[in-house]
Amino acid sequence: MTTHLFQHLAMIAQEAGADPGTGLKAWQTFTIFIVTPVALFTLITATVLFFTRKKKSN
């Protein structure tokens, strides 16, 4: 049990001299992790559908 605890503490500890910087604001997090992937998925899906659709023959 204690070995398991110490392994997790080692993962949390930062290196000496590390400067993590400021955190993200809520809208930045939402944009990076929600809006961007959805927009990329939509763009890729639309591109694939556009180039693989069946052509109308008259």
N, C-alpha and C. Protein backbone atom coordinates (compact mmCIF):
# COMPACT_ATOMS: atom_id res chain seq x y z
N MET A 1 0.83 -1.19 0.00
CA MET A 1 0.00 0.00 0.00
C MET A 1 0.87 1.25 0.00
N THR A 2 1.85 1.32 0.85
CA THR A 2 2.70 2.51 0.90
C THR A 2 3.54 2.64 -0.37
N THR A 3 3.94 1.53 -0.96
CA THR A 3 4.71 1.59 -2.20
C THR A 3 3.86 2.21 -3.30
N HIS A 4 2.60 1.84 -3.35
CA HIS A 4 1.68 2.39 -4.34
C HIS A 4 1.53 3.90 -4.13
N LEU A 5 1.42 4.34 -2.91
CA LEU A 5 1.29 5.75 -2.58
C LEU A 5 2.54 6.52 -3.00
N PHE A 6 3.71 5.99 -2.74
CA PHE A 6 4.95 6.68 -3.08
C PHE A 6 5.16 6.77 -4.60
N GLN A 7 4.67 5.79 -5.34
CA GLN A 7 4.77 5.86 -6.80
C GLN A 7 3.96 7.03 -7.34
N HIS A 8 2.78 7.25 -6.78
CA HIS A 8 1.94 8.36 -7.22
C HIS A 8 2.54 9.70 -6.80
N LEU A 9 3.14 9.77 -5.65
CA LEU A 9 3.76 11.00 -5.21
C LEU A 9 4.93 11.38 -6.12
N ALA A 10 5.66 10.40 -6.60
CA ALA A 10 6.79 10.67 -7.50
C ALA A 10 6.29 11.23 -8.83
N MET A 11 5.11 10.81 -9.29
CA MET A 11 4.57 11.33 -10.54
C MET A 11 4.10 12.77 -10.39
N ILE A 12 3.65 13.14 -9.20
CA ILE A 12 3.14 14.48 -8.97
C ILE A 12 4.28 15.49 -8.80
N ALA A 13 5.39 15.07 -8.22
CA ALA A 13 6.49 15.97 -7.92
C ALA A 13 7.06 16.58 -9.20
N GLN A 14 7.36 17.87 -9.15
CA GLN A 14 7.94 18.55 -10.30
C GLN A 14 9.45 18.61 -10.16
N GLU A 15 10.10 18.80 -11.28
CA GLU A 15 11.55 18.92 -11.28
C GLU A 15 11.95 20.24 -10.64
N ALA A 16 13.16 20.29 -10.13
CA ALA A 16 13.67 21.52 -9.53
C ALA A 16 13.77 22.59 -10.61
N GLY A 17 13.32 23.78 -10.30
CA GLY A 17 13.40 24.89 -11.24
C GLY A 17 12.27 24.92 -12.25
N ALA A 18 11.28 24.03 -12.12
CA ALA A 18 10.17 24.01 -13.08
C ALA A 18 9.28 25.22 -12.84
N ASP A 19 8.87 25.85 -13.93
CA ASP A 19 7.98 27.01 -13.86
C ASP A 19 6.75 26.71 -14.71
N PRO A 20 5.67 26.15 -14.12
CA PRO A 20 4.54 25.67 -14.90
C PRO A 20 3.74 26.75 -15.62
N GLY A 21 3.83 28.00 -15.21
CA GLY A 21 3.07 29.06 -15.87
C GLY A 21 1.66 29.16 -15.35
N THR A 22 0.87 29.99 -16.02
CA THR A 22 -0.50 30.21 -15.56
C THR A 22 -1.43 29.16 -16.15
N GLY A 23 -2.54 28.97 -15.52
CA GLY A 23 -3.52 28.00 -16.00
C GLY A 23 -4.37 28.57 -17.12
N LEU A 24 -5.17 27.71 -17.74
CA LEU A 24 -6.07 28.14 -18.80
C LEU A 24 -7.37 28.67 -18.22
N LYS A 25 -7.95 29.61 -18.93
CA LYS A 25 -9.27 30.10 -18.55
C LYS A 25 -10.31 29.09 -19.05
N ALA A 26 -11.54 29.19 -18.55
CA ALA A 26 -12.59 28.23 -18.91
C ALA A 26 -12.87 28.23 -20.40
N TRP A 27 -12.95 29.40 -21.02
CA TRP A 27 -13.25 29.45 -22.45
C TRP A 27 -12.10 28.90 -23.28
N GLN A 28 -10.85 29.04 -22.82
CA GLN A 28 -9.72 28.47 -23.54
C GLN A 28 -9.75 26.95 -23.47
N THR A 29 -10.05 26.42 -22.31
CA THR A 29 -10.15 24.98 -22.15
C THR A 29 -11.28 24.42 -23.02
N PHE A 30 -12.43 25.08 -23.01
CA PHE A 30 -13.57 24.65 -23.81
C PHE A 30 -13.21 24.67 -25.30
N THR A 31 -12.54 25.73 -25.74
CA THR A 31 -12.16 25.85 -27.14
C THR A 31 -11.17 24.76 -27.55
N ILE A 32 -10.18 24.52 -26.73
CA ILE A 32 -9.13 23.55 -27.07
C ILE A 32 -9.66 22.12 -27.06
N PHE A 33 -10.43 21.77 -26.06
CA PHE A 33 -10.82 20.37 -25.87
C PHE A 33 -12.20 20.00 -26.40
N ILE A 34 -13.04 20.97 -26.75
CA ILE A 34 -14.38 20.67 -27.25
C ILE A 34 -14.56 21.21 -28.67
N VAL A 35 -14.41 22.51 -28.86
CA VAL A 35 -14.70 23.14 -30.14
C VAL A 35 -13.74 22.67 -31.23
N THR A 36 -12.45 22.66 -30.97
CA THR A 36 -11.47 22.28 -31.99
C THR A 36 -11.66 20.85 -32.47
N PRO A 37 -11.79 19.84 -31.58
CA PRO A 37 -12.01 18.48 -32.10
C PRO A 37 -13.33 18.33 -32.87
N VAL A 38 -14.39 18.97 -32.42
CA VAL A 38 -15.67 18.88 -33.12
C VAL A 38 -15.55 19.54 -34.50
N ALA A 39 -14.89 20.69 -34.58
CA ALA A 39 -14.71 21.37 -35.86
C ALA A 39 -13.87 20.53 -36.81
N LEU A 40 -12.80 19.92 -36.32
CA LEU A 40 -11.96 19.06 -37.16
C LEU A 40 -12.74 17.84 -37.64
N PHE A 41 -13.50 17.23 -36.77
CA PHE A 41 -14.33 16.07 -37.14
C PHE A 41 -15.32 16.46 -38.23
N THR A 42 -15.97 17.60 -38.07
CA THR A 42 -16.94 18.07 -39.04
C THR A 42 -16.28 18.36 -40.39
N LEU A 43 -15.14 19.02 -40.36
CA LEU A 43 -14.42 19.34 -41.59
C LEU A 43 -13.97 18.07 -42.32
N ILE A 44 -13.41 17.13 -41.61
CA ILE A 44 -12.95 15.88 -42.22
C ILE A 44 -14.14 15.09 -42.78
N THR A 45 -15.24 15.02 -42.02
CA THR A 45 -16.43 14.30 -42.47
C THR A 45 -17.00 14.94 -43.73
N ALA A 46 -17.10 16.26 -43.75
CA ALA A 46 -17.64 16.95 -44.92
C ALA A 46 -16.75 16.74 -46.13
N THR A 47 -15.45 16.78 -45.94
CA THR A 47 -14.52 16.56 -47.05
C THR A 47 -14.65 15.15 -47.62
N VAL A 48 -14.70 14.16 -46.75
CA VAL A 48 -14.84 12.77 -47.21
C VAL A 48 -16.17 12.57 -47.92
N LEU A 49 -17.24 13.09 -47.37
CA LEU A 49 -18.55 12.94 -48.01
C LEU A 49 -18.60 13.64 -49.36
N PHE A 50 -17.98 14.80 -49.47
CA PHE A 50 -17.98 15.55 -50.71
C PHE A 50 -17.24 14.79 -51.82
N PHE A 51 -16.11 14.19 -51.49
CA PHE A 51 -15.31 13.52 -52.52
C PHE A 51 -15.72 12.06 -52.77
N THR A 52 -16.55 11.49 -51.93
CA THR A 52 -16.94 10.08 -52.13
C THR A 52 -18.42 9.91 -52.45
N ARG A 53 -19.15 10.99 -52.62
CA ARG A 53 -20.58 10.86 -52.93
C ARG A 53 -20.76 10.33 -54.34
N LYS A 54 -21.90 9.72 -54.55
CA LYS A 54 -22.21 9.21 -55.89
C LYS A 54 -22.66 10.36 -56.77
N LYS A 55 -22.18 10.36 -57.97
CA LYS A 55 -22.55 11.40 -58.93
C LYS A 55 -23.90 11.06 -59.54
N LYS A 56 -24.74 12.07 -59.78
CA LYS A 56 -26.03 11.87 -60.44
C LYS A 56 -25.78 11.65 -61.92
N SER A 57 -26.41 10.65 -62.45
CA SER A 57 -26.29 10.42 -63.90
C SER A 57 -27.64 10.64 -64.56
N ASN A 58 -27.66 11.45 -65.58
CA ASN A 58 -28.91 11.75 -66.29
C ASN A 58 -28.92 11.07 -67.63
